[in-house]
């Protein structure tokens, strides 16, 4: 029970727009959140919403140690424009042996540096949101989510070549490298797809695979 409680404790460093939104959502989800920022106004604004808030220099290992940050298993570095502070803070958290470190990056190069200094997960919110909207605007996809290592899940209409066939007979995975993981019929909810599932003209497919492969698949529709 103690481990379960500890897993819901998160330190969020950087309480700008992204960090404050994340911290609020974690709190609403029942987590214990320690919010840290150098800006007194940001900290004061969230004082009544988060479990704990504090003004501190997060590039100082001693300051974080005194705040009990080493006791947290999860940390998010959401520092925005100050890239140096972002990198140094991530390095300090790594030095403190935090098991799970998420870090916000403003560019892919910044993200690579964050990974080198100890980030386990890098988030590119502006870039990823831009890519997602671009895919939706083109009309090829109904929804698009990209994960690490260029892996993506998309929601798209069924291609003509699959209509009227069981998924196992379409050979979509062999031809395009994607896996149909779910399917939605008009007026019904999503269900898991099997090799025996027959694709209907109005079906919506949930497809997973490498980003370039799912994009190529979506171009068929």
N, C-alpha and C. Protein backbone atom coordinates (compact mmCIF):
# COMPACT_ATOMS: atom_id res chain seq x y z
N UNK A 1 0.83 -1.20 0.00
CA UNK A 1 0.00 0.00 0.00
C UNK A 1 0.86 1.25 0.00
N UNK A 2 1.99 1.21 0.73
CA UNK A 2 2.89 2.34 0.79
C UNK A 2 3.47 2.63 -0.57
N UNK A 3 3.82 1.58 -1.33
CA UNK A 3 4.39 1.77 -2.66
C UNK A 3 3.40 2.41 -3.60
N UNK A 4 2.13 2.00 -3.49
CA UNK A 4 1.09 2.57 -4.34
C UNK A 4 0.94 4.06 -4.07
N UNK A 5 1.01 4.42 -2.77
CA UNK A 5 0.89 5.83 -2.41
C UNK A 5 2.07 6.62 -2.95
N UNK A 6 3.27 6.06 -2.84
CA UNK A 6 4.47 6.74 -3.32
C UNK A 6 4.42 6.96 -4.82
N UNK A 7 3.83 6.02 -5.54
CA UNK A 7 3.80 6.13 -6.99
C UNK A 7 2.93 7.28 -7.46
N UNK A 8 2.04 7.79 -6.58
CA UNK A 8 1.17 8.89 -6.94
C UNK A 8 1.74 10.24 -6.49
N UNK A 9 2.99 10.23 -6.03
CA UNK A 9 3.64 11.47 -5.62
C UNK A 9 4.53 11.96 -6.75
N UNK A 10 4.29 13.18 -7.18
CA UNK A 10 5.03 13.72 -8.33
C UNK A 10 5.52 15.12 -8.01
N UNK A 11 6.76 15.40 -8.37
CA UNK A 11 7.29 16.76 -8.27
C UNK A 11 7.28 17.37 -9.66
N UNK A 12 6.66 18.54 -9.78
CA UNK A 12 6.60 19.25 -11.05
C UNK A 12 7.44 20.52 -10.92
N UNK A 13 8.47 20.62 -11.73
CA UNK A 13 9.40 21.75 -11.67
C UNK A 13 9.19 22.63 -12.90
N UNK A 14 8.80 23.87 -12.62
CA UNK A 14 8.46 24.79 -13.70
C UNK A 14 6.95 24.91 -13.79
N UNK A 15 6.39 26.01 -13.32
CA UNK A 15 4.93 26.16 -13.22
C UNK A 15 4.39 27.19 -14.21
N UNK A 16 4.93 27.14 -15.43
CA UNK A 16 4.38 27.95 -16.51
C UNK A 16 3.09 27.35 -17.00
N UNK A 17 2.70 27.68 -18.21
CA UNK A 17 1.41 27.21 -18.73
C UNK A 17 1.35 25.68 -18.78
N UNK A 18 2.38 25.06 -19.33
CA UNK A 18 2.40 23.60 -19.44
C UNK A 18 2.49 22.94 -18.07
N UNK A 19 3.43 23.40 -17.25
CA UNK A 19 3.64 22.79 -15.94
C UNK A 19 2.46 22.95 -15.01
N UNK A 20 1.84 24.13 -15.01
CA UNK A 20 0.69 24.35 -14.12
C UNK A 20 -0.50 23.51 -14.55
N UNK A 21 -0.71 23.40 -15.87
CA UNK A 21 -1.81 22.57 -16.37
C UNK A 21 -1.59 21.11 -15.98
N UNK A 22 -0.37 20.64 -16.15
CA UNK A 22 -0.04 19.27 -15.78
C UNK A 22 -0.21 19.03 -14.29
N UNK A 23 0.30 19.96 -13.48
CA UNK A 23 0.22 19.81 -12.02
C UNK A 23 -1.23 19.79 -11.54
N UNK A 24 -2.06 20.65 -12.12
CA UNK A 24 -3.48 20.67 -11.74
C UNK A 24 -4.15 19.35 -12.08
N UNK A 25 -3.86 18.81 -13.27
CA UNK A 25 -4.48 17.56 -13.70
C UNK A 25 -4.03 16.41 -12.81
N UNK A 26 -2.75 16.38 -12.46
CA UNK A 26 -2.25 15.34 -11.56
C UNK A 26 -2.94 15.42 -10.20
N UNK A 27 -3.16 16.63 -9.73
CA UNK A 27 -3.84 16.83 -8.44
C UNK A 27 -5.29 16.37 -8.53
N UNK A 28 -5.96 16.75 -9.63
CA UNK A 28 -7.36 16.33 -9.81
C UNK A 28 -7.47 14.81 -9.88
N UNK A 29 -6.41 14.16 -10.35
CA UNK A 29 -6.41 12.70 -10.46
C UNK A 29 -6.09 12.01 -9.14
N UNK A 30 -5.93 12.79 -8.09
CA UNK A 30 -5.69 12.22 -6.77
C UNK A 30 -4.24 12.11 -6.38
N UNK A 31 -3.34 12.70 -7.16
CA UNK A 31 -1.92 12.63 -6.84
C UNK A 31 -1.50 13.67 -5.82
N UNK A 32 -0.39 13.39 -5.16
CA UNK A 32 0.24 14.36 -4.27
C UNK A 32 1.31 15.07 -5.08
N UNK A 33 1.15 16.37 -5.29
CA UNK A 33 2.02 17.12 -6.20
C UNK A 33 2.78 18.21 -5.46
N UNK A 34 4.09 18.18 -5.64
CA UNK A 34 4.96 19.24 -5.15
C UNK A 34 5.33 20.10 -6.36
N UNK A 35 4.88 21.35 -6.37
CA UNK A 35 5.18 22.25 -7.47
C UNK A 35 6.29 23.21 -7.08
N UNK A 36 7.31 23.33 -7.93
CA UNK A 36 8.46 24.19 -7.64
C UNK A 36 8.71 25.12 -8.82
N UNK A 37 9.00 26.39 -8.50
CA UNK A 37 9.33 27.36 -9.53
C UNK A 37 10.16 28.47 -8.88
N UNK A 38 10.96 29.15 -9.70
CA UNK A 38 11.74 30.29 -9.21
C UNK A 38 10.86 31.53 -9.04
N UNK A 39 9.76 31.56 -9.79
CA UNK A 39 8.89 32.73 -9.81
C UNK A 39 7.89 32.67 -8.66
N UNK A 40 8.01 33.63 -7.76
CA UNK A 40 7.14 33.66 -6.57
C UNK A 40 5.66 33.78 -6.96
N UNK A 41 5.36 34.57 -8.01
CA UNK A 41 3.96 34.78 -8.40
C UNK A 41 3.33 33.47 -8.90
N UNK A 42 4.09 32.71 -9.69
CA UNK A 42 3.57 31.43 -10.19
C UNK A 42 3.28 30.48 -9.03
N UNK A 43 4.19 30.44 -8.10
CA UNK A 43 4.02 29.55 -6.95
C UNK A 43 2.82 29.97 -6.12
N UNK A 44 2.69 31.26 -5.89
CA UNK A 44 1.57 31.78 -5.10
C UNK A 44 0.23 31.49 -5.78
N UNK A 45 0.20 31.58 -7.11
CA UNK A 45 -1.03 31.37 -7.86
C UNK A 45 -1.57 29.96 -7.69
N UNK A 46 -0.66 28.98 -7.51
CA UNK A 46 -1.06 27.58 -7.41
C UNK A 46 -1.06 27.05 -5.98
N UNK A 47 -0.77 27.91 -5.04
CA UNK A 47 -0.61 27.47 -3.64
C UNK A 47 -1.84 26.77 -3.08
N UNK A 48 -3.03 27.21 -3.49
CA UNK A 48 -4.25 26.63 -2.96
C UNK A 48 -4.75 25.43 -3.79
N UNK A 49 -4.07 25.14 -4.90
CA UNK A 49 -4.54 24.08 -5.78
C UNK A 49 -3.69 22.81 -5.71
N UNK A 50 -2.40 22.97 -5.44
CA UNK A 50 -1.51 21.81 -5.37
C UNK A 50 -1.28 21.40 -3.93
N UNK A 51 -0.77 20.20 -3.74
CA UNK A 51 -0.52 19.70 -2.38
C UNK A 51 0.52 20.56 -1.67
N UNK A 52 1.62 20.84 -2.37
CA UNK A 52 2.69 21.68 -1.83
C UNK A 52 3.24 22.54 -2.96
N UNK A 53 3.59 23.78 -2.66
CA UNK A 53 4.28 24.64 -3.63
C UNK A 53 5.42 25.34 -2.92
N UNK A 54 6.50 25.60 -3.66
CA UNK A 54 7.65 26.23 -3.03
C UNK A 54 8.47 26.98 -4.08
N UNK A 55 9.08 28.07 -3.67
CA UNK A 55 10.01 28.82 -4.52
C UNK A 55 11.40 28.29 -4.26
N UNK A 56 12.10 27.89 -5.32
CA UNK A 56 13.45 27.34 -5.13
C UNK A 56 14.23 27.36 -6.43
N UNK A 57 15.56 27.32 -6.29
CA UNK A 57 16.46 27.18 -7.42
C UNK A 57 16.66 25.70 -7.67
N UNK A 58 16.05 25.17 -8.72
CA UNK A 58 16.06 23.73 -8.94
C UNK A 58 17.36 23.23 -9.58
N UNK A 59 18.29 24.14 -9.87
CA UNK A 59 19.60 23.71 -10.37
C UNK A 59 20.55 23.43 -9.21
N UNK A 60 20.09 23.67 -7.99
CA UNK A 60 20.89 23.47 -6.77
C UNK A 60 20.52 22.14 -6.13
N UNK A 61 21.43 21.18 -6.18
CA UNK A 61 21.14 19.84 -5.66
C UNK A 61 20.82 19.88 -4.17
N UNK A 62 21.47 20.76 -3.42
CA UNK A 62 21.22 20.84 -1.98
C UNK A 62 19.81 21.36 -1.70
N UNK A 63 19.37 22.32 -2.52
CA UNK A 63 18.02 22.88 -2.32
C UNK A 63 16.97 21.80 -2.55
N UNK A 64 17.12 21.00 -3.60
CA UNK A 64 16.16 19.93 -3.87
C UNK A 64 16.21 18.84 -2.81
N UNK A 65 17.38 18.57 -2.31
CA UNK A 65 17.52 17.56 -1.26
C UNK A 65 16.79 18.00 0.00
N UNK A 66 16.94 19.28 0.34
CA UNK A 66 16.28 19.80 1.54
C UNK A 66 14.76 19.80 1.41
N UNK A 67 14.28 19.87 0.16
CA UNK A 67 12.83 19.85 -0.07
C UNK A 67 12.26 18.43 -0.10
N UNK A 68 13.13 17.44 0.03
CA UNK A 68 12.66 16.06 0.03
C UNK A 68 12.42 15.48 -1.34
N UNK A 69 12.93 16.12 -2.38
CA UNK A 69 12.72 15.63 -3.74
C UNK A 69 13.24 14.21 -3.95
N UNK A 70 14.36 13.80 -3.31
CA UNK A 70 14.83 12.42 -3.48
C UNK A 70 13.82 11.35 -3.05
N UNK A 71 12.81 11.75 -2.26
CA UNK A 71 11.79 10.79 -1.82
C UNK A 71 10.73 10.55 -2.88
N UNK A 72 10.72 11.35 -3.94
CA UNK A 72 9.74 11.19 -5.01
C UNK A 72 10.27 10.22 -6.06
N UNK A 73 9.37 9.41 -6.58
CA UNK A 73 9.75 8.46 -7.63
C UNK A 73 9.52 9.04 -9.03
N UNK A 74 8.77 10.12 -9.11
CA UNK A 74 8.45 10.70 -10.41
C UNK A 74 8.66 12.21 -10.36
N UNK A 75 9.29 12.72 -11.43
CA UNK A 75 9.53 14.15 -11.52
C UNK A 75 9.31 14.61 -12.96
N UNK A 76 8.75 15.81 -13.09
CA UNK A 76 8.55 16.40 -14.41
C UNK A 76 9.26 17.75 -14.45
N UNK A 77 10.15 17.91 -15.42
CA UNK A 77 10.84 19.19 -15.61
C UNK A 77 10.12 19.91 -16.74
N UNK A 78 9.34 20.93 -16.40
CA UNK A 78 8.54 21.63 -17.40
C UNK A 78 9.01 23.07 -17.56
N UNK A 79 10.30 23.29 -17.36
CA UNK A 79 10.87 24.62 -17.54
C UNK A 79 10.85 24.96 -19.02
N UNK A 80 10.38 26.15 -19.37
CA UNK A 80 10.18 26.50 -20.76
C UNK A 80 11.37 27.15 -21.44
N UNK A 81 11.50 28.47 -21.35
CA UNK A 81 12.45 29.21 -22.16
C UNK A 81 13.90 29.11 -21.68
N UNK A 82 14.13 28.82 -20.42
CA UNK A 82 15.49 28.74 -19.88
C UNK A 82 16.05 27.34 -20.10
N UNK A 83 16.66 27.13 -21.26
CA UNK A 83 17.15 25.80 -21.62
C UNK A 83 18.25 25.34 -20.68
N UNK A 84 19.12 26.26 -20.30
CA UNK A 84 20.22 25.89 -19.39
C UNK A 84 19.67 25.37 -18.07
N UNK A 85 18.68 26.07 -17.51
CA UNK A 85 18.07 25.63 -16.24
C UNK A 85 17.37 24.29 -16.41
N UNK A 86 16.74 24.09 -17.57
CA UNK A 86 16.08 22.82 -17.86
C UNK A 86 17.07 21.66 -17.83
N UNK A 87 18.19 21.85 -18.50
CA UNK A 87 19.21 20.80 -18.58
C UNK A 87 19.86 20.55 -17.22
N UNK A 88 20.21 21.62 -16.52
CA UNK A 88 20.85 21.47 -15.22
C UNK A 88 19.91 20.82 -14.21
N UNK A 89 18.64 21.20 -14.23
CA UNK A 89 17.66 20.61 -13.32
C UNK A 89 17.49 19.12 -13.58
N UNK A 90 17.41 18.75 -14.85
CA UNK A 90 17.29 17.34 -15.21
C UNK A 90 18.51 16.56 -14.75
N UNK A 91 19.68 17.16 -14.89
CA UNK A 91 20.91 16.52 -14.45
C UNK A 91 20.92 16.33 -12.93
N UNK A 92 20.43 17.33 -12.20
CA UNK A 92 20.37 17.23 -10.74
C UNK A 92 19.42 16.11 -10.32
N UNK A 93 18.27 16.02 -10.97
CA UNK A 93 17.32 14.96 -10.64
C UNK A 93 17.93 13.58 -10.90
N UNK A 94 18.69 13.48 -11.98
CA UNK A 94 19.38 12.22 -12.28
C UNK A 94 20.41 11.91 -11.20
N UNK A 95 21.12 12.94 -10.75
CA UNK A 95 22.10 12.78 -9.68
C UNK A 95 21.43 12.31 -8.38
N UNK A 96 20.18 12.73 -8.19
CA UNK A 96 19.43 12.33 -6.99
C UNK A 96 18.76 10.97 -7.16
N UNK A 97 19.00 10.34 -8.32
CA UNK A 97 18.51 8.99 -8.61
C UNK A 97 16.98 8.88 -8.61
N UNK A 98 16.31 9.90 -9.15
CA UNK A 98 14.86 9.83 -9.32
C UNK A 98 14.58 8.77 -10.39
N UNK A 99 13.76 7.76 -10.11
CA UNK A 99 13.58 6.64 -11.05
C UNK A 99 12.91 7.00 -12.38
N UNK A 100 12.00 7.99 -12.35
CA UNK A 100 11.25 8.35 -13.56
C UNK A 100 11.27 9.86 -13.74
N UNK A 101 12.02 10.31 -14.75
CA UNK A 101 12.15 11.74 -15.01
C UNK A 101 11.58 12.06 -16.39
N UNK A 102 10.56 12.90 -16.40
CA UNK A 102 10.01 13.43 -17.65
C UNK A 102 10.54 14.85 -17.81
N UNK A 103 10.89 15.24 -19.02
CA UNK A 103 11.40 16.60 -19.24
C UNK A 103 10.79 17.19 -20.51
N UNK A 104 10.34 18.41 -20.42
CA UNK A 104 9.80 19.13 -21.57
C UNK A 104 10.95 19.70 -22.38
N UNK A 105 10.90 19.51 -23.70
CA UNK A 105 11.90 20.06 -24.60
C UNK A 105 11.26 21.05 -25.56
N UNK A 106 12.04 22.03 -25.99
CA UNK A 106 11.53 23.01 -26.95
C UNK A 106 11.96 22.68 -28.37
N UNK A 107 12.85 21.70 -28.51
CA UNK A 107 13.29 21.25 -29.84
C UNK A 107 13.82 19.83 -29.71
N UNK A 108 13.98 19.17 -30.82
CA UNK A 108 14.50 17.80 -30.78
C UNK A 108 15.94 17.78 -30.28
N UNK A 109 16.73 18.79 -30.64
CA UNK A 109 18.11 18.86 -30.15
C UNK A 109 18.13 19.01 -28.64
N UNK A 110 17.27 19.89 -28.12
CA UNK A 110 17.14 20.05 -26.68
C UNK A 110 16.74 18.72 -26.03
N UNK A 111 15.82 18.01 -26.67
CA UNK A 111 15.38 16.72 -26.15
C UNK A 111 16.50 15.71 -26.08
N UNK A 112 17.36 15.69 -27.10
CA UNK A 112 18.48 14.74 -27.10
C UNK A 112 19.45 15.04 -25.96
N UNK A 113 19.67 16.32 -25.69
CA UNK A 113 20.54 16.69 -24.58
C UNK A 113 19.93 16.27 -23.25
N UNK A 114 18.62 16.48 -23.11
CA UNK A 114 17.94 16.08 -21.88
C UNK A 114 18.06 14.58 -21.64
N UNK A 115 17.97 13.80 -22.69
CA UNK A 115 18.13 12.36 -22.56
C UNK A 115 19.54 12.00 -22.12
N UNK A 116 20.53 12.72 -22.65
CA UNK A 116 21.92 12.44 -22.30
C UNK A 116 22.22 12.73 -20.83
N UNK A 117 21.55 13.75 -20.28
CA UNK A 117 21.84 14.11 -18.88
C UNK A 117 20.93 13.39 -17.89
N UNK A 118 20.03 12.51 -18.39
CA UNK A 118 19.29 11.70 -17.44
C UNK A 118 17.80 11.60 -17.57
N UNK A 119 17.18 12.34 -18.51
CA UNK A 119 15.73 12.25 -18.68
C UNK A 119 15.35 10.88 -19.24
N UNK A 120 14.36 10.24 -18.62
CA UNK A 120 13.87 8.94 -19.11
C UNK A 120 12.82 9.11 -20.21
N UNK A 121 12.11 10.24 -20.17
CA UNK A 121 11.06 10.52 -21.14
C UNK A 121 11.15 11.99 -21.52
N UNK A 122 11.13 12.28 -22.82
CA UNK A 122 11.18 13.65 -23.29
C UNK A 122 9.86 14.00 -23.97
N UNK A 123 9.32 15.15 -23.61
CA UNK A 123 8.04 15.60 -24.16
C UNK A 123 8.29 16.84 -25.00
N UNK A 124 7.76 16.83 -26.22
CA UNK A 124 7.83 17.99 -27.11
C UNK A 124 6.41 18.48 -27.37
N UNK A 125 5.77 19.12 -26.40
CA UNK A 125 4.34 19.43 -26.51
C UNK A 125 3.97 20.28 -27.72
N UNK A 126 4.72 21.38 -27.96
CA UNK A 126 4.37 22.24 -29.09
C UNK A 126 4.57 21.52 -30.42
N UNK A 127 5.71 20.84 -30.56
CA UNK A 127 6.02 20.14 -31.81
C UNK A 127 5.02 19.02 -32.07
N UNK A 128 4.76 18.22 -31.01
CA UNK A 128 3.87 17.08 -31.19
C UNK A 128 2.45 17.53 -31.47
N UNK A 129 2.00 18.60 -30.82
CA UNK A 129 0.66 19.10 -31.09
C UNK A 129 0.56 19.64 -32.50
N UNK A 130 1.63 20.30 -32.98
CA UNK A 130 1.63 20.80 -34.35
C UNK A 130 1.52 19.68 -35.35
N UNK A 131 2.28 18.60 -35.13
CA UNK A 131 2.21 17.44 -36.02
C UNK A 131 0.82 16.82 -36.00
N UNK A 132 0.25 16.73 -34.82
CA UNK A 132 -1.06 16.09 -34.67
C UNK A 132 -2.13 16.89 -35.42
N UNK A 133 -2.11 18.21 -35.23
CA UNK A 133 -3.10 19.05 -35.90
C UNK A 133 -2.91 19.00 -37.41
N UNK A 134 -1.66 18.97 -37.87
CA UNK A 134 -1.39 18.91 -39.30
C UNK A 134 -2.01 17.66 -39.92
N UNK A 135 -1.88 16.54 -39.23
CA UNK A 135 -2.46 15.29 -39.73
C UNK A 135 -3.98 15.38 -39.79
N UNK A 136 -4.56 16.03 -38.80
CA UNK A 136 -6.02 16.12 -38.75
C UNK A 136 -6.53 17.10 -39.80
N UNK A 137 -5.79 18.19 -40.02
CA UNK A 137 -6.22 19.19 -40.98
C UNK A 137 -6.26 18.63 -42.40
N UNK A 138 -5.31 17.76 -42.73
CA UNK A 138 -5.28 17.18 -44.07
C UNK A 138 -6.46 16.28 -44.34
N UNK A 139 -7.16 15.85 -43.28
CA UNK A 139 -8.34 15.01 -43.44
C UNK A 139 -8.04 13.54 -43.60
N UNK A 140 -6.76 13.18 -43.59
CA UNK A 140 -6.40 11.77 -43.77
C UNK A 140 -6.73 10.96 -42.52
N UNK A 141 -6.64 11.60 -41.36
CA UNK A 141 -6.84 10.88 -40.11
C UNK A 141 -7.90 11.57 -39.27
N UNK A 142 -8.64 10.77 -38.51
CA UNK A 142 -9.64 11.31 -37.60
C UNK A 142 -9.03 11.63 -36.26
N UNK A 143 -7.94 10.96 -35.93
CA UNK A 143 -7.18 11.26 -34.72
C UNK A 143 -5.79 10.68 -34.88
N UNK A 144 -4.83 11.25 -34.17
CA UNK A 144 -3.44 10.85 -34.34
C UNK A 144 -2.70 11.07 -33.03
N UNK A 145 -2.02 10.03 -32.54
CA UNK A 145 -1.22 10.14 -31.32
C UNK A 145 0.15 9.54 -31.60
N UNK A 146 1.20 10.33 -31.37
CA UNK A 146 2.56 9.83 -31.58
C UNK A 146 3.24 9.59 -30.24
N UNK A 147 3.94 8.46 -30.14
CA UNK A 147 4.67 8.10 -28.94
C UNK A 147 6.17 8.18 -29.23
N UNK A 148 6.97 7.71 -28.28
CA UNK A 148 8.42 7.70 -28.48
C UNK A 148 8.81 6.72 -29.58
N UNK A 149 10.03 6.91 -30.08
CA UNK A 149 10.60 6.01 -31.08
C UNK A 149 9.76 5.93 -32.35
N UNK A 150 9.10 7.06 -32.71
CA UNK A 150 8.34 7.15 -33.96
C UNK A 150 7.19 6.14 -34.06
N UNK A 151 6.62 5.76 -32.93
CA UNK A 151 5.48 4.85 -32.91
C UNK A 151 4.21 5.70 -32.81
N UNK A 152 3.18 5.33 -33.55
CA UNK A 152 1.96 6.13 -33.55
C UNK A 152 0.72 5.25 -33.60
N UNK A 153 -0.38 5.80 -33.12
CA UNK A 153 -1.70 5.17 -33.24
C UNK A 153 -2.61 6.17 -33.93
N UNK A 154 -3.33 5.73 -34.95
CA UNK A 154 -4.23 6.62 -35.66
C UNK A 154 -5.63 6.03 -35.72
N UNK A 155 -6.59 6.93 -35.87
CA UNK A 155 -7.97 6.53 -36.11
C UNK A 155 -8.30 6.99 -37.52
N UNK A 156 -8.67 6.07 -38.39
CA UNK A 156 -8.89 6.41 -39.80
C UNK A 156 -9.99 5.55 -40.39
N UNK A 157 -10.49 5.97 -41.54
CA UNK A 157 -11.51 5.17 -42.23
C UNK A 157 -10.87 3.94 -42.87
N UNK A 158 -11.69 2.96 -43.17
CA UNK A 158 -11.17 1.71 -43.74
C UNK A 158 -10.84 1.90 -45.22
N UNK A 159 -9.69 1.40 -45.68
CA UNK A 159 -9.35 1.48 -47.11
C UNK A 159 -10.23 0.56 -47.94
N UNK A 160 -10.42 0.93 -49.19
CA UNK A 160 -11.32 0.17 -50.08
C UNK A 160 -10.89 -1.28 -50.21
N UNK A 161 -9.59 -1.54 -50.22
CA UNK A 161 -9.12 -2.91 -50.43
C UNK A 161 -9.47 -3.86 -49.29
N UNK A 162 -9.84 -3.29 -48.12
CA UNK A 162 -10.17 -4.14 -46.97
C UNK A 162 -11.66 -4.38 -46.81
N UNK A 163 -12.48 -3.60 -47.49
CA UNK A 163 -13.93 -3.68 -47.33
C UNK A 163 -14.45 -5.07 -47.73
N UNK A 164 -15.28 -5.64 -46.84
CA UNK A 164 -15.90 -6.93 -47.11
C UNK A 164 -15.03 -8.13 -46.82
N UNK A 165 -13.83 -7.89 -46.30
CA UNK A 165 -12.92 -8.98 -46.00
C UNK A 165 -12.67 -9.09 -44.50
N UNK A 166 -12.33 -10.31 -44.07
CA UNK A 166 -11.88 -10.49 -42.69
C UNK A 166 -10.47 -9.91 -42.59
N UNK A 167 -10.14 -9.30 -41.45
CA UNK A 167 -8.83 -8.66 -41.31
C UNK A 167 -7.69 -9.63 -41.58
N UNK A 168 -7.87 -10.88 -41.19
CA UNK A 168 -6.82 -11.87 -41.42
C UNK A 168 -6.56 -12.13 -42.89
N UNK A 169 -7.56 -11.84 -43.73
CA UNK A 169 -7.41 -12.06 -45.17
C UNK A 169 -6.91 -10.82 -45.91
N UNK A 170 -6.91 -9.69 -45.25
CA UNK A 170 -6.50 -8.45 -45.92
C UNK A 170 -4.99 -8.33 -46.05
N UNK A 171 -4.25 -9.01 -45.19
CA UNK A 171 -2.78 -8.96 -45.17
C UNK A 171 -2.27 -7.52 -45.02
N UNK A 172 -3.03 -6.70 -44.28
CA UNK A 172 -2.63 -5.30 -44.09
C UNK A 172 -1.30 -5.20 -43.34
N UNK A 173 -1.12 -6.07 -42.36
CA UNK A 173 0.12 -6.02 -41.59
C UNK A 173 1.32 -6.39 -42.47
N UNK A 174 1.14 -7.38 -43.31
CA UNK A 174 2.22 -7.82 -44.19
C UNK A 174 2.53 -6.74 -45.24
N UNK A 175 1.51 -6.10 -45.78
CA UNK A 175 1.70 -5.13 -46.86
C UNK A 175 2.14 -3.76 -46.36
N UNK A 176 1.61 -3.33 -45.20
CA UNK A 176 1.86 -1.96 -44.75
C UNK A 176 2.59 -1.87 -43.41
N UNK A 177 2.78 -3.00 -42.73
CA UNK A 177 3.50 -2.98 -41.46
C UNK A 177 2.70 -2.46 -40.29
N UNK A 178 1.37 -2.36 -40.43
CA UNK A 178 0.53 -1.82 -39.35
C UNK A 178 -0.35 -2.92 -38.76
N UNK A 179 -0.83 -2.65 -37.56
CA UNK A 179 -1.73 -3.58 -36.89
C UNK A 179 -3.05 -2.89 -36.59
N UNK A 180 -4.15 -3.47 -37.03
CA UNK A 180 -5.47 -2.94 -36.69
C UNK A 180 -5.83 -3.47 -35.31
N UNK A 181 -5.88 -2.58 -34.32
CA UNK A 181 -6.10 -3.01 -32.93
C UNK A 181 -7.54 -2.83 -32.48
N UNK A 182 -8.29 -2.00 -33.20
CA UNK A 182 -9.68 -1.78 -32.81
C UNK A 182 -10.51 -1.37 -34.01
N UNK A 183 -11.82 -1.50 -33.86
CA UNK A 183 -12.71 -1.17 -34.97
C UNK A 183 -14.03 -0.64 -34.41
N UNK A 184 -14.60 0.34 -35.09
CA UNK A 184 -15.86 0.93 -34.63
C UNK A 184 -16.88 0.90 -35.76
N UNK A 185 -18.03 0.32 -35.46
CA UNK A 185 -19.14 0.31 -36.40
C UNK A 185 -20.03 1.50 -36.14
N UNK A 186 -20.69 1.98 -37.16
CA UNK A 186 -21.59 3.12 -37.02
C UNK A 186 -22.65 2.85 -35.96
N UNK A 187 -22.77 3.75 -35.00
CA UNK A 187 -23.76 3.62 -33.94
C UNK A 187 -23.34 2.70 -32.80
N UNK A 188 -22.11 2.16 -32.86
CA UNK A 188 -21.64 1.25 -31.82
C UNK A 188 -20.30 1.75 -31.28
N UNK A 189 -19.89 1.18 -30.15
CA UNK A 189 -18.61 1.56 -29.55
C UNK A 189 -17.45 0.82 -30.20
N UNK A 190 -16.23 1.20 -29.82
CA UNK A 190 -15.05 0.50 -30.32
C UNK A 190 -14.94 -0.89 -29.69
N UNK A 191 -14.49 -1.85 -30.50
CA UNK A 191 -14.23 -3.20 -30.01
C UNK A 191 -12.86 -3.63 -30.50
N UNK A 192 -12.27 -4.61 -29.81
CA UNK A 192 -10.99 -5.15 -30.25
C UNK A 192 -11.16 -5.86 -31.59
N UNK A 193 -10.17 -5.71 -32.44
CA UNK A 193 -10.22 -6.35 -33.75
C UNK A 193 -9.53 -7.71 -33.68
N UNK A 194 -10.08 -8.68 -34.39
CA UNK A 194 -9.48 -10.01 -34.49
C UNK A 194 -9.28 -10.36 -35.96
N UNK A 195 -8.60 -11.44 -36.21
CA UNK A 195 -8.38 -11.87 -37.60
C UNK A 195 -9.69 -12.19 -38.31
N UNK A 196 -10.74 -12.53 -37.53
CA UNK A 196 -12.03 -12.90 -38.12
C UNK A 196 -12.94 -11.69 -38.33
N UNK A 197 -12.55 -10.51 -37.83
CA UNK A 197 -13.40 -9.32 -37.95
C UNK A 197 -13.51 -8.90 -39.42
N UNK A 198 -14.74 -8.80 -39.91
CA UNK A 198 -14.97 -8.38 -41.29
C UNK A 198 -15.12 -6.86 -41.33
N UNK A 199 -14.42 -6.22 -42.26
CA UNK A 199 -14.43 -4.77 -42.38
C UNK A 199 -15.62 -4.31 -43.22
N UNK A 200 -16.42 -3.39 -42.65
CA UNK A 200 -17.58 -2.84 -43.34
C UNK A 200 -17.24 -1.46 -43.92
N UNK A 201 -18.01 -1.00 -44.90
CA UNK A 201 -17.69 0.28 -45.57
C UNK A 201 -17.57 1.49 -44.65
N UNK A 202 -18.41 1.57 -43.61
CA UNK A 202 -18.39 2.75 -42.74
C UNK A 202 -17.57 2.55 -41.47
N UNK A 203 -16.79 1.50 -41.40
CA UNK A 203 -16.00 1.22 -40.20
C UNK A 203 -14.88 2.24 -40.00
N UNK A 204 -14.62 2.54 -38.73
CA UNK A 204 -13.46 3.35 -38.35
C UNK A 204 -12.44 2.39 -37.72
N UNK A 205 -11.20 2.46 -38.20
CA UNK A 205 -10.15 1.58 -37.70
C UNK A 205 -9.18 2.32 -36.78
N UNK A 206 -8.76 1.65 -35.73
CA UNK A 206 -7.66 2.14 -34.89
C UNK A 206 -6.44 1.32 -35.27
N UNK A 207 -5.44 2.01 -35.80
CA UNK A 207 -4.28 1.34 -36.39
C UNK A 207 -3.01 1.78 -35.68
N UNK A 208 -2.13 0.83 -35.37
CA UNK A 208 -0.88 1.12 -34.68
C UNK A 208 0.31 0.67 -35.52
N UNK A 209 1.41 1.39 -35.38
CA UNK A 209 2.63 1.01 -36.09
C UNK A 209 3.63 2.15 -36.11
N UNK A 210 4.70 2.00 -36.88
CA UNK A 210 5.67 3.06 -37.04
C UNK A 210 5.00 4.26 -37.71
N UNK A 211 5.46 5.45 -37.37
CA UNK A 211 4.80 6.65 -37.86
C UNK A 211 4.68 6.69 -39.37
N UNK A 212 5.77 6.42 -40.09
CA UNK A 212 5.72 6.49 -41.54
C UNK A 212 4.78 5.45 -42.13
N UNK A 213 4.67 4.31 -41.43
CA UNK A 213 3.81 3.23 -41.94
C UNK A 213 2.33 3.55 -41.74
N UNK A 214 1.98 4.10 -40.58
CA UNK A 214 0.57 4.43 -40.37
C UNK A 214 0.15 5.62 -41.24
N UNK A 215 1.10 6.53 -41.51
CA UNK A 215 0.79 7.65 -42.40
C UNK A 215 0.55 7.14 -43.83
N UNK A 216 1.37 6.20 -44.25
CA UNK A 216 1.20 5.63 -45.58
C UNK A 216 -0.13 4.88 -45.68
N UNK A 217 -0.49 4.18 -44.60
CA UNK A 217 -1.75 3.47 -44.57
C UNK A 217 -2.93 4.43 -44.64
N UNK A 218 -2.84 5.55 -43.90
CA UNK A 218 -3.93 6.54 -43.88
C UNK A 218 -4.11 7.17 -45.27
N UNK A 219 -3.05 7.22 -46.05
CA UNK A 219 -3.16 7.78 -47.40
C UNK A 219 -4.02 6.92 -48.32
N UNK A 220 -4.26 5.67 -47.94
CA UNK A 220 -5.08 4.79 -48.76
C UNK A 220 -6.55 5.16 -48.70
N UNK A 221 -6.94 5.85 -47.63
CA UNK A 221 -8.38 6.10 -47.40
C UNK A 221 -8.85 7.37 -48.10
